[in-house]
C-alpha atoms as a PDB file:
ATOM      1  CA  UNK A   1      14.390  -2.188  37.813  1.00  0.00           C
ATOM      2  CA  UNK A   2      17.697  -1.256  35.770  1.00  0.00           C
ATOM      3  CA  UNK A   3      17.284   2.981  36.660  1.00  0.00           C
ATOM      4  CA  UNK A   4      16.807   4.153  33.410  1.00  0.00           C
ATOM      5  CA  UNK A   5      18.313   7.794  33.250  1.00  0.00           C
ATOM      6  CA  UNK A   6      16.684  10.109  30.620  1.00  0.00           C
ATOM      7  CA  UNK A   7      19.222  12.036  28.538  1.00  0.00           C
ATOM      8  CA  UNK A   8      17.378  15.250  28.057  1.00  0.00           C
ATOM      9  CA  UNK A   9      19.105  16.952  31.240  1.00  0.00           C
ATOM     10  CA  UNK A  10      22.477  16.090  30.168  1.00  0.00           C
ATOM     11  CA  UNK A  11      22.299  17.180  26.549  1.00  0.00           C
ATOM     12  CA  UNK A  12      20.204  20.470  27.595  1.00  0.00           C
ATOM     13  CA  UNK A  13      23.233  21.238  30.150  1.00  0.00           C
ATOM     14  CA  UNK A  14      25.957  20.589  27.192  1.00  0.00           C
ATOM     15  CA  UNK A  15      23.838  22.983  24.420  1.00  0.00           C
ATOM     16  CA  UNK A  16      23.233  25.318  27.236  1.00  0.00           C
ATOM     17  CA  UNK A  17      27.520  25.371  28.296  1.00  0.00           C
ATOM     18  CA  UNK A  18      28.080  25.477  24.452  1.00  0.00           C
ATOM     19  CA  UNK A  19      26.350  28.746  24.422  1.00  0.00           C
ATOM     20  CA  UNK A  20      27.754  30.589  27.262  1.00  0.00           C
ATOM     21  CA  UNK A  21      30.979  29.559  25.952  1.00  0.00           C
ATOM     22  CA  UNK A  22      30.213  31.331  22.635  1.00  0.00           C
ATOM     23  CA  UNK A  23      28.525  34.590  24.442  1.00  0.00           C
ATOM     24  CA  UNK A  24      31.782  34.759  26.964  1.00  0.00           C
ATOM     25  CA  UNK A  25      33.839  34.598  23.622  1.00  0.00           C
ATOM     26  CA  UNK A  26      32.198  37.281  22.276  1.00  0.00           C
ATOM     27  CA  UNK A  27      32.254  39.103  25.378  1.00  0.00           C
ATOM     28  CA  UNK A  28      36.051  39.062  25.788  1.00  0.00           C
ATOM     29  CA  UNK A  29      36.968  39.627  21.906  1.00  0.00           C
ATOM     30  CA  UNK A  30      34.560  42.355  22.532  1.00  0.00           C
ATOM     31  CA  UNK A  31      35.769  44.056  25.338  1.00  0.00           C
ATOM     32  CA  UNK A  32      39.555  43.568  23.868  1.00  0.00           C
ATOM     33  CA  UNK A  33      38.688  45.207  20.447  1.00  0.00           C
ATOM     34  CA  UNK A  34      37.368  48.426  22.228  1.00  0.00           C
ATOM     35  CA  UNK A  35      40.547  47.890  24.519  1.00  0.00           C
ATOM     36  CA  UNK A  36      42.949  47.739  21.574  1.00  0.00           C
ATOM     37  CA  UNK A  37      40.740  50.366  19.229  1.00  0.00           C
ATOM     38  CA  UNK A  38      40.882  53.439  21.380  1.00  0.00           C
ATOM     39  CA  UNK A  39      36.845  53.863  21.129  1.00  0.00           C
ATOM     40  CA  UNK A  40      35.528  55.811  24.029  1.00  0.00           C
ATOM     41  CA  UNK A  41      32.614  53.884  25.306  1.00  0.00           C
ATOM     42  CA  UNK A  42      31.202  54.943  28.723  1.00  0.00           C
ATOM     43  CA  UNK A  43      32.103  52.740  31.897  1.00  0.00           C
ATOM     44  CA  UNK A  44      28.406  51.457  32.057  1.00  0.00           C
ATOM     45  CA  UNK A  45      29.366  49.659  28.643  1.00  0.00           C
ATOM     46  CA  UNK A  46      32.574  48.375  30.281  1.00  0.00           C
ATOM     47  CA  UNK A  47      30.646  47.773  32.982  1.00  0.00           C
ATOM     48  CA  UNK A  48      27.997  45.279  31.645  1.00  0.00           C
ATOM     49  CA  UNK A  49      30.562  43.211  29.933  1.00  0.00           C
ATOM     50  CA  UNK A  50      32.672  42.603  33.277  1.00  0.00           C
ATOM     51  CA  UNK A  51      28.883  41.738  34.995  1.00  0.00           C
ATOM     52  CA  UNK A  52      27.935  39.444  31.628  1.00  0.00           C
ATOM     53  CA  UNK A  53      31.367  37.761  31.648  1.00  0.00           C
ATOM     54  CA  UNK A  54      31.407  37.017  35.908  1.00  0.00           C
ATOM     55  CA  UNK A  55      28.097  35.949  34.759  1.00  0.00           C
ATOM     56  CA  UNK A  56      28.728  33.948  32.186  1.00  0.00           C
ATOM     57  CA  UNK A  57      31.942  32.265  34.006  1.00  0.00           C
ATOM     58  CA  UNK A  58      30.255  31.268  37.204  1.00  0.00           C
ATOM     59  CA  UNK A  59      27.479  29.599  35.340  1.00  0.00           C
ATOM     60  CA  UNK A  60      29.834  28.036  33.443  1.00  0.00           C
ATOM     61  CA  UNK A  61      31.768  26.638  36.658  1.00  0.00           C
ATOM     62  CA  UNK A  62      28.231  25.641  38.128  1.00  0.00           C
ATOM     63  CA  UNK A  63      27.401  23.926  34.512  1.00  0.00           C
ATOM     64  CA  UNK A  64      31.019  21.843  35.224  1.00  0.00           C
ATOM     65  CA  UNK A  65      29.925  20.925  38.632  1.00  0.00           C
ATOM     66  CA  UNK A  66      26.559  19.508  37.816  1.00  0.00           C
ATOM     67  CA  UNK A  67      28.021  17.328  34.958  1.00  0.00           C
ATOM     68  CA  UNK A  68      30.679  16.127  37.220  1.00  0.00           C
ATOM     69  CA  UNK A  69      27.782  15.143  39.638  1.00  0.00           C
ATOM     70  CA  UNK A  70      26.057  13.614  36.939  1.00  0.00           C
ATOM     71  CA  UNK A  71      29.174  11.295  35.947  1.00  0.00           C
ATOM     72  CA  UNK A  72      29.935  10.510  39.338  1.00  0.00           C
ATOM     73  CA  UNK A  73      26.175   9.533  40.031  1.00  0.00           C
ATOM     74  CA  UNK A  74      26.419   7.499  36.650  1.00  0.00           C
ATOM     75  CA  UNK A  75      29.538   5.844  37.316  1.00  0.00           C
ATOM     76  CA  UNK A  76      28.130   4.746  41.197  1.00  0.00           C
ATOM     77  CA  UNK A  77      25.021   3.343  39.430  1.00  0.00           C
ATOM     78  CA  UNK A  78      26.935   1.461  36.857  1.00  0.00           C
ATOM     79  CA  UNK A  79      29.057  -0.359  39.542  1.00  0.00           C
ATOM     80  CA  UNK A  80      26.310  -1.018  41.596  1.00  0.00           C
ATOM     81  CA  UNK A  81      24.447  -2.701  38.577  1.00  0.00           C
ATOM     82  CA  UNK A  82      27.650  -4.313  37.995  1.00  0.00           C
ATOM     83  CA  UNK A  83      27.588  -5.504  41.343  1.00  0.00           C
ATOM     84  CA  UNK A  84      23.955  -6.384  41.197  1.00  0.00           C
ATOM     85  CA  UNK A  85      24.476  -8.983  38.190  1.00  0.00           C
ATOM     86  CA  UNK A  86      27.388 -10.737  39.673  1.00  0.00           C
ATOM     87  CA  UNK A  87      24.799 -11.540  42.866  1.00  0.00           C
ATOM     88  CA  UNK A  88      22.245 -12.669  40.599  1.00  0.00           C
ATOM     89  CA  UNK A  89      24.302 -15.046  37.799  1.00  0.00           C
ATOM     90  CA  UNK A  90      25.873 -16.105  41.326  1.00  0.00           C
ATOM     91  CA  UNK A  91      22.615 -16.772  43.118  1.00  0.00           C
ATOM     92  CA  UNK A  92      21.183 -18.313  39.814  1.00  0.00           C
ATOM     93  CA  UNK A  93      23.927 -20.476  39.045  1.00  0.00           C
ATOM     94  CA  UNK A  94      24.928 -21.844  42.092  1.00  0.00           C
ATOM     95  CA  UNK A  95      21.238 -23.812  42.653  1.00  0.00           C
ATOM     96  CA  UNK A  96      21.230 -24.709  38.968  1.00  0.00           C
ATOM     97  CA  UNK A  97      24.354 -26.889  39.096  1.00  0.00           C
ATOM     98  CA  UNK A  98      23.510 -28.217  42.384  1.00  0.00           C
ATOM     99  CA  UNK A  99      20.456 -29.410  40.567  1.00  0.00           C
ATOM    100  CA  UNK A 100      22.348 -30.765  37.953  1.00  0.00           C
ATOM    101  CA  UNK A 101      24.453 -32.841  39.848  1.00  0.00           C
ATOM    102  CA  UNK A 102      21.829 -34.094  41.981  1.00  0.00           C
ATOM    103  CA  UNK A 103      19.507 -35.233  38.941  1.00  0.00           C
ATOM    104  CA  UNK A 104      22.977 -36.711  37.156  1.00  0.00           C
ATOM    105  CA  UNK A 105      23.845 -38.677  40.250  1.00  0.00           C
ATOM    106  CA  UNK A 106      20.545 -39.908  40.757  1.00  0.00           C
ATOM    107  CA  UNK A 107      19.809 -41.010  36.849  1.00  0.00           C
ATOM    108  CA  UNK A 108      22.980 -42.646  37.071  1.00  0.00           C
ATOM    109  CA  UNK A 109      23.635 -44.577  40.431  1.00  0.00           C
ATOM    110  CA  UNK A 110      21.833 -46.872  42.634  1.00  0.00           C
ATOM    111  CA  UNK A 111      21.205 -45.013  45.940  1.00  0.00           C
ATOM    112  CA  UNK A 112      19.389 -46.324  48.441  1.00  0.00           C
ATOM    113  CA  UNK A 113      16.509 -44.585  50.247  1.00  0.00           C
ATOM    114  CA  UNK A 114      18.204 -42.466  52.490  1.00  0.00           C
ATOM    115  CA  UNK A 115      20.166 -41.189  50.288  1.00  0.00           C
ATOM    116  CA  UNK A 116      18.054 -40.275  47.280  1.00  0.00           C
ATOM    117  CA  UNK A 117      15.776 -38.777  50.322  1.00  0.00           C
ATOM    118  CA  UNK A 118      18.788 -36.504  50.953  1.00  0.00           C
ATOM    119  CA  UNK A 119      19.155 -35.817  47.375  1.00  0.00           C
ATOM    120  CA  UNK A 120      15.238 -34.911  46.901  1.00  0.00           C
ATOM    121  CA  UNK A 121      16.079 -32.570  50.266  1.00  0.00           C
ATOM    122  CA  UNK A 122      18.966 -30.745  48.607  1.00  0.00           C
ATOM    123  CA  UNK A 123      16.759 -30.118  45.150  1.00  0.00           C
ATOM    124  CA  UNK A 124      14.008 -28.913  47.401  1.00  0.00           C
ATOM    125  CA  UNK A 125      16.205 -26.266  48.716  1.00  0.00           C
ATOM    126  CA  UNK A 126      17.789 -25.156  45.588  1.00  0.00           C
ATOM    127  CA  UNK A 127      14.389 -24.890  44.132  1.00  0.00           C
ATOM    128  CA  UNK A 128      13.260 -22.506  47.325  1.00  0.00           C
ATOM    129  CA  UNK A 129      16.220 -20.656  46.948  1.00  0.00           C
ATOM    130  CA  UNK A 130      15.587 -19.805  43.200  1.00  0.00           C
ATOM    131  CA  UNK A 131      11.866 -19.310  44.047  1.00  0.00           C
ATOM    132  CA  UNK A 132      13.107 -16.812  46.694  1.00  0.00           C
ATOM    133  CA  UNK A 133      15.143 -14.967  44.091  1.00  0.00           C
ATOM    134  CA  UNK A 134      12.344 -14.536  41.618  1.00  0.00           C
ATOM    135  CA  UNK A 135      10.181 -13.471  43.782  1.00  0.00           C
ATOM    136  CA  UNK A 136      12.543 -10.751  45.150  1.00  0.00           C
ATOM    137  CA  UNK A 137      13.155  -9.511  41.596  1.00  0.00           C
ATOM    138  CA  UNK A 138       9.398  -9.698  40.934  1.00  0.00           C
ATOM    139  CA  UNK A 139       8.915  -7.726  44.605  1.00  0.00           C
ATOM    140  CA  UNK A 140      11.570  -5.029  43.535  1.00  0.00           C
ATOM    141  CA  UNK A 141       9.615  -4.260  39.881  1.00  0.00           C
ATOM    142  CA  UNK A 142       6.560  -4.278  41.439  1.00  0.00           C
ATOM    143  CA  UNK A 143       7.119  -1.866  43.799  1.00  0.00           C
ATOM    144  CA  UNK A 144       9.236   0.172  41.274  1.00  0.00           C
ATOM    145  CA  UNK A 145       6.356   0.913  39.178  1.00  0.00           C
ATOM    146  CA  UNK A 146       4.022   1.659  41.845  1.00  0.00           C
ATOM    147  CA  UNK A 147       0.755   1.679  39.533  1.00  0.00           C
ATOM    148  CA  UNK A 148      -0.878  -1.325  41.474  1.00  0.00           C
ATOM    149  CA  UNK A 149      -2.977   0.374  43.940  1.00  0.00           C
ATOM    150  CA  UNK A 150      -4.211  -2.008  47.104  1.00  0.00           C
ATOM    151  CA  UNK A 151      -7.225  -1.410  49.278  1.00  0.00           C
ATOM    152  CA  UNK A 152      -6.235  -1.321  53.018  1.00  0.00           C
ATOM    153  CA  UNK A 153      -7.213  -4.269  55.206  1.00  0.00           C
ATOM    154  CA  UNK A 154      -6.837  -4.703  59.172  1.00  0.00           C
ATOM    155  CA  UNK A 155      -3.801  -6.791  59.866  1.00  0.00           C
ATOM    156  CA  UNK A 156      -2.805  -8.665  63.102  1.00  0.00           C
ATOM    157  CA  UNK A 157       0.767  -7.431  63.342  1.00  0.00           C
ATOM    158  CA  UNK A 158       1.690  -9.765  65.909  1.00  0.00           C
ATOM    159  CA  UNK A 159       0.607 -12.403  63.285  1.00  0.00           C
ATOM    160  CA  UNK A 160       2.449 -11.319  60.779  1.00  0.00           C
ATOM    161  CA  UNK A 161       5.571 -10.865  62.208  1.00  0.00           C
ATOM    162  CA  UNK A 162       5.719 -14.411  63.947  1.00  0.00           C
ATOM    163  CA  UNK A 163       3.977 -16.123  60.650  1.00  0.00           C
ATOM    164  CA  UNK A 164       7.498 -14.474  58.808  1.00  0.00           C
ATOM    165  CA  UNK A 165       9.594 -15.404  61.173  1.00  0.00           C
ATOM    166  CA  UNK A 166       9.092 -18.990  61.329  1.00  0.00           C
ATOM    167  CA  UNK A 167       9.539 -19.022  57.482  1.00  0.00           C
ATOM    168  CA  UNK A 168      12.627 -17.343  57.632  1.00  0.00           C
ATOM    169  CA  UNK A 169      13.604 -19.459  60.278  1.00  0.00           C
ATOM    170  CA  UNK A 170      12.900 -22.773  58.055  1.00  0.00           C
ATOM    171  CA  UNK A 171      14.216 -21.284  55.233  1.00  0.00           C
ATOM    172  CA  UNK A 172      17.332 -20.479  56.283  1.00  0.00           C
ATOM    173  CA  UNK A 173      17.373 -23.422  58.632  1.00  0.00           C
ATOM    174  CA  UNK A 174      18.142 -22.404  61.738  1.00  0.00           C
ATOM    175  CA  UNK A 175      16.025 -22.829  64.936  1.00  0.00           C
ATOM    176  CA  UNK A 176      13.183 -21.207  65.764  1.00  0.00           C
ATOM    177  CA  UNK A 177      14.765 -19.463  68.724  1.00  0.00           C
ATOM    178  CA  UNK A 178      16.830 -17.676  66.633  1.00  0.00           C
ATOM    179  CA  UNK A 179      13.815 -15.031  66.389  1.00  0.00           C
ATOM    180  CA  UNK A 180      12.412 -13.616  69.240  1.00  0.00           C
ATOM    181  CA  UNK A 181       9.206 -11.856  68.457  1.00  0.00           C
ATOM    182  CA  UNK A 182       7.947  -9.625  71.440  1.00  0.00           C
ATOM    183  CA  UNK A 183       4.814  -8.083  69.917  1.00  0.00           C
ATOM    184  CA  UNK A 184       1.256  -7.309  71.518  1.00  0.00           C
ATOM    185  CA  UNK A 185      -1.687  -7.766  69.946  1.00  0.00           C
ATOM    186  CA  UNK A 186      -1.830  -5.017  67.839  1.00  0.00           C
ATOM    187  CA  UNK A 187      -4.135  -4.573  64.499  1.00  0.00           C
ATOM    188  CA  UNK A 188      -3.073  -1.803  61.941  1.00  0.00           C
ATOM    189  CA  UNK A 189      -5.314  -1.083  58.705  1.00  0.00           C
ATOM    190  CA  UNK A 190      -2.482  -1.143  55.709  1.00  0.00           C
ATOM    191  CA  UNK A 191      -1.951  -3.654  52.687  1.00  0.00           C
ATOM    192  CA  UNK A 192      -0.797  -6.744  53.589  1.00  0.00           C
ATOM    193  CA  UNK A 193       1.307  -7.296  50.631  1.00  0.00           C
ATOM    194  CA  UNK A 194       3.463  -4.263  51.277  1.00  0.00           C
ATOM    195  CA  UNK A 195       3.819  -5.563  54.813  1.00  0.00           C
ATOM    196  CA  UNK A 196       4.903  -8.655  54.203  1.00  0.00           C
ATOM    197  CA  UNK A 197       7.222  -7.793  51.661  1.00  0.00           C
ATOM    198  CA  UNK A 198       8.869  -4.833  54.284  1.00  0.00           C
ATOM    199  CA  UNK A 199       9.265  -7.081  57.196  1.00  0.00           C
ATOM    200  CA  UNK A 200      10.493 -10.414  55.426  1.00  0.00           C
ATOM    201  CA  UNK A 201      12.902  -8.492  53.905  1.00  0.00           C
ATOM    202  CA  UNK A 202      14.287  -7.196  56.894  1.00  0.00           C
ATOM    203  CA  UNK A 203      13.967  -9.988  59.129  1.00  0.00           C
ATOM    204  CA  UNK A 204      15.844 -12.207  56.185  1.00  0.00           C
ATOM    205  CA  UNK A 205      18.249  -9.121  56.269  1.00  0.00           C
ATOM    206  CA  UNK A 206      18.927  -9.349  59.785  1.00  0.00           C
ATOM    207  CA  UNK A 207      19.245 -13.596  60.056  1.00  0.00           C
ATOM    208  CA  UNK A 208      21.579 -13.234  57.175  1.00  0.00           C
ATOM    209  CA  UNK A 209      23.683 -10.670  58.354  1.00  0.00           C
ATOM    210  CA  UNK A 210      23.626 -12.046  62.166  1.00  0.00           C
ATOM    211  CA  UNK A 211      26.432 -13.518  63.980  1.00  0.00           C
ATOM    212  CA  UNK A 212      26.700 -17.275  64.017  1.00  0.00           C
ATOM    213  CA  UNK A 213      24.382 -18.401  65.391  1.00  0.00           C
ATOM    214  CA  UNK A 214      22.110 -15.422  64.247  1.00  0.00           C
ATOM    215  CA  UNK A 215      19.650 -13.995  67.313  1.00  0.00           C
ATOM    216  CA  UNK A 216      17.593 -11.355  66.051  1.00  0.00           C
ATOM    217  CA  UNK A 217      14.730  -9.775  68.586  1.00  0.00           C
ATOM    218  CA  UNK A 218      11.733  -7.991  67.591  1.00  0.00           C
ATOM    219  CA  UNK A 219       9.892  -5.692  69.616  1.00  0.00           C
ATOM    220  CA  UNK A 220       6.393  -3.894  68.709  1.00  0.00           C
ATOM    221  CA  UNK A 221       4.713  -1.541  70.450  1.00  0.00           C
ATOM    222  CA  UNK A 222       2.218   1.645  70.127  1.00  0.00           C
ATOM    223  CA  UNK A 223       3.103   4.817  70.734  1.00  0.00           C
ATOM    224  CA  UNK A 224       0.786   8.325  71.702  1.00  0.00           C
ATOM    225  CA  UNK A 225       0.597   9.331  68.411  1.00  0.00           C
ATOM    226  CA  UNK A 226      -1.001   6.516  67.417  1.00  0.00           C
ATOM    227  CA  UNK A 227       1.929   4.479  65.615  1.00  0.00           C
ATOM    228  CA  UNK A 228       3.159   1.183  65.432  1.00  0.00           C
ATOM    229  CA  UNK A 229       6.886   1.355  66.015  1.00  0.00           C
ATOM    230  CA  UNK A 230       8.668  -1.748  65.273  1.00  0.00           C
ATOM    231  CA  UNK A 231      12.336  -2.752  66.402  1.00  0.00           C
ATOM    232  CA  UNK A 232      14.706  -5.295  64.582  1.00  0.00           C
ATOM    233  CA  UNK A 233      18.082  -6.121  66.507  1.00  0.00           C
ATOM    234  CA  UNK A 234      20.682  -8.382  64.993  1.00  0.00           C
ATOM    235  CA  UNK A 235      24.292  -9.951  66.506  1.00  0.00           C
ATOM    236  CA  UNK A 236      25.897  -9.243  63.493  1.00  0.00           C
ATOM    237  CA  UNK A 237      29.005  -6.907  62.830  1.00  0.00           C
ATOM    238  CA  UNK A 238      26.895  -4.168  62.446  1.00  0.00           C
ATOM    239  CA  UNK A 239      27.104  -1.317  59.665  1.00  0.00           C
ATOM    240  CA  UNK A 240      29.540   1.423  59.554  1.00  0.00           C
ATOM    241  CA  UNK A 241      28.002   4.948  60.422  1.00  0.00           C
ATOM    242  CA  UNK A 242      29.064   6.596  57.073  1.00  0.00           C
ATOM    243  CA  UNK A 243      27.223   3.516  55.372  1.00  0.00           C
ATOM    244  CA  UNK A 244      23.951   4.004  57.057  1.00  0.00           C
ATOM    245  CA  UNK A 245      22.216   5.387  54.323  1.00  0.00           C
ATOM    246  CA  UNK A 246      23.732   4.203  51.541  1.00  0.00           C
ATOM    247  CA  UNK A 247      22.703   0.218  52.234  1.00  0.00           C
ATOM    248  CA  UNK A 248      19.187   1.761  51.516  1.00  0.00           C
ATOM    249  CA  UNK A 249      20.191   2.136  47.790  1.00  0.00           C
ATOM    250  CA  UNK A 250      19.676   0.332  44.748  1.00  0.00           C
ATOM    251  CA  UNK A 251      21.950  -2.539  44.059  1.00  0.00           C
ATOM    252  CA  UNK A 252      24.249  -1.331  47.353  1.00  0.00           C
ATOM    253  CA  UNK A 253      26.065  -3.960  48.571  1.00  0.00           C
ATOM    254  CA  UNK A 254      28.969  -3.246  51.231  1.00  0.00           C
ATOM    255  CA  UNK A 255      32.393  -4.734  49.992  1.00  0.00           C
ATOM    256  CA  UNK A 256      33.518  -6.496  46.828  1.00  0.00           C
ATOM    257  CA  UNK A 257      30.851  -8.782  44.989  1.00  0.00           C
ATOM    258  CA  UNK A 258      32.982 -11.172  44.103  1.00  0.00           C
ATOM    259  CA  UNK A 259      34.711 -11.463  47.679  1.00  0.00           C
ATOM    260  CA  UNK A 260      31.001 -12.169  49.602  1.00  0.00           C
ATOM    261  CA  UNK A 261      30.017 -15.310  51.570  1.00  0.00           C
ATOM    262  CA  UNK A 262      26.372 -14.433  52.142  1.00  0.00           C
ATOM    263  CA  UNK A 263      24.233 -14.542  49.404  1.00  0.00           C
ATOM    264  CA  UNK A 264      22.158 -11.259  48.263  1.00  0.00           C
ATOM    265  CA  UNK A 265      20.843  -9.237  45.061  1.00  0.00           C
ATOM    266  CA  UNK A 266      21.382  -5.838  47.525  1.00  0.00           C
ATOM    267  CA  UNK A 267      17.536  -4.933  46.992  1.00  0.00           C
ATOM    268  CA  UNK A 268      16.249  -6.016  50.082  1.00  0.00           C
ATOM    269  CA  UNK A 269      16.781  -2.822  51.889  1.00  0.00           C
ATOM    270  CA  UNK A 270      15.786  -0.470  48.729  1.00  0.00           C
ATOM    271  CA  UNK A 271      12.763  -2.745  49.230  1.00  0.00           C
ATOM    272  CA  UNK A 272      11.959  -1.937  52.674  1.00  0.00           C
ATOM    273  CA  UNK A 273      12.780   1.487  52.363  1.00  0.00           C
ATOM    274  CA  UNK A 274      10.256   2.326  49.177  1.00  0.00           C
ATOM    275  CA  UNK A 275       7.360  -0.113  51.016  1.00  0.00           C
ATOM    276  CA  UNK A 276       7.889   1.851  54.150  1.00  0.00           C
ATOM    277  CA  UNK A 277       7.572   4.668  52.192  1.00  0.00           C
ATOM    278  CA  UNK A 278       4.869   3.500  50.313  1.00  0.00           C
ATOM    279  CA  UNK A 279       3.033   2.880  53.429  1.00  0.00           C
ATOM    280  CA  UNK A 280       3.361   6.327  54.975  1.00  0.00           C
ATOM    281  CA  UNK A 281       6.205   4.938  57.626  1.00  0.00           C
ATOM    282  CA  UNK A 282       9.686   5.539  58.491  1.00  0.00           C
ATOM    283  CA  UNK A 283      12.743   3.185  58.351  1.00  0.00           C
ATOM    284  CA  UNK A 284      15.886   4.024  60.482  1.00  0.00           C
ATOM    285  CA  UNK A 285      19.192   2.189  61.573  1.00  0.00           C
ATOM    286  CA  UNK A 286      19.479   3.103  65.149  1.00  0.00           C
ATOM    287  CA  UNK A 287      23.225   3.776  66.988  1.00  0.00           C
ATOM    288  CA  UNK A 288      24.109   1.314  69.305  1.00  0.00           C
ATOM    289  CA  UNK A 289      26.811   2.667  70.980  1.00  0.00           C
ATOM    290  CA  UNK A 290      29.182  -0.019  72.386  1.00  0.00           C
ATOM    291  CA  UNK A 291      26.493  -2.775  71.690  1.00  0.00           C
ATOM    292  CA  UNK A 292      27.193  -4.992  68.730  1.00  0.00           C
ATOM    293  CA  UNK A 293      24.732  -5.811  65.510  1.00  0.00           C
ATOM    294  CA  UNK A 294      22.206  -3.323  63.597  1.00  0.00           C
ATOM    295  CA  UNK A 295      18.702  -1.917  65.114  1.00  0.00           C
ATOM    296  CA  UNK A 296      16.753  -1.199  62.669  1.00  0.00           C
ATOM    297  CA  UNK A 297      13.688   1.070  63.724  1.00  0.00           C
ATOM    298  CA  UNK A 298      10.319   0.982  61.628  1.00  0.00           C
ATOM    299  CA  UNK A 299       7.549   3.862  62.332  1.00  0.00           C
ATOM    300  CA  UNK A 300       4.331   2.876  60.528  1.00  0.00           C
ATOM    301  CA  UNK A 301       2.394   6.735  60.671  1.00  0.00           C
ATOM    302  CA  UNK A 302      -1.290   6.705  61.137  1.00  0.00           C
ATOM    303  CA  UNK A 303      -2.230   2.647  60.969  1.00  0.00           C
ATOM    304  CA  UNK A 304      -2.728   1.802  64.248  1.00  0.00           C
ATOM    305  CA  UNK A 305      -6.833   0.994  64.279  1.00  0.00           C
ATOM    306  CA  UNK A 306      -8.650  -0.220  68.164  1.00  0.00           C
ATOM    307  CA  UNK A 307     -11.646  -2.496  67.470  1.00  0.00           C
ATOM    308  CA  UNK A 308     -13.911   0.616  67.081  1.00  0.00           C
ATOM    309  CA  UNK A 309     -12.298   1.877  64.325  1.00  0.00           C
ATOM    310  CA  UNK A 310     -12.709  -1.801  62.534  1.00  0.00           C
ATOM    311  CA  UNK A 311     -16.294  -2.613  63.378  1.00  0.00           C
ATOM    312  CA  UNK A 312     -17.281   1.652  62.837  1.00  0.00           C
ATOM    313  CA  UNK A 313     -19.135   1.803  59.052  1.00  0.00           C
ATOM    314  CA  UNK A 314     -17.153   3.171  56.237  1.00  0.00           C
ATOM    315  CA  UNK A 315     -18.485   6.134  54.131  1.00  0.00           C
END
């Protein structure tokens, strides 16, 4: 899951830059020696030395810029991974501490039936939270490997969206009308596991970062290009324009990890982007002008199937 960068590129770049420094030094010394010794040389020799030195200097500058770019990328990745570890640590410790407290209370005190029922409910919520985190991490690892080919199958998109929305409302303990799904009966040929990961993470993100109470509107329609366009709109604070591309990165969460009030790992939208690419689609964050909230638009290319397509024999 963590990105493992090869050392071949930076080591090769470093060796090449050292060689260029040596060559540039030799050229500079040769040029100065010729000038100091008064040796008569043709103009072509001096122009050759000048051109070689200029090319070497430009190449060295390019190498320095490349090294600086690699350093900045490594620093940003390290910071995101540190935030990810902080988030996962918090996500693991909080439900475990709550479970421990509930078990200690149940074992040391005589509680009435209603209190026991409440504690059992709290414990179940903590277990569901742990289960969700583990599934999230497993999904990320599976998508990163990308070595599990799956057969496409006919999927009722409207039924899938409604099932996911109901499950997310139960998980976040919000009314079912918090998520509105408007989707005609659409059948797509795709991979059930991939679509489930895609829309589960996208809708969960919209509920999690929506307003209080959250309101999420989901619209799905087909277009003339035989595509499915799914729009997911929430009533949260929105995403700054300069962060819209960054939020799809791995481990990316806006702000300081230790100051956030909402749980998360920074993998949700990263999974959304990667899964969308895997099924041949695109995902964008649309501008909402003066309206609040965030609107995600997912386009699934070439997956719409008519009933005749599903009933026709496959070669």
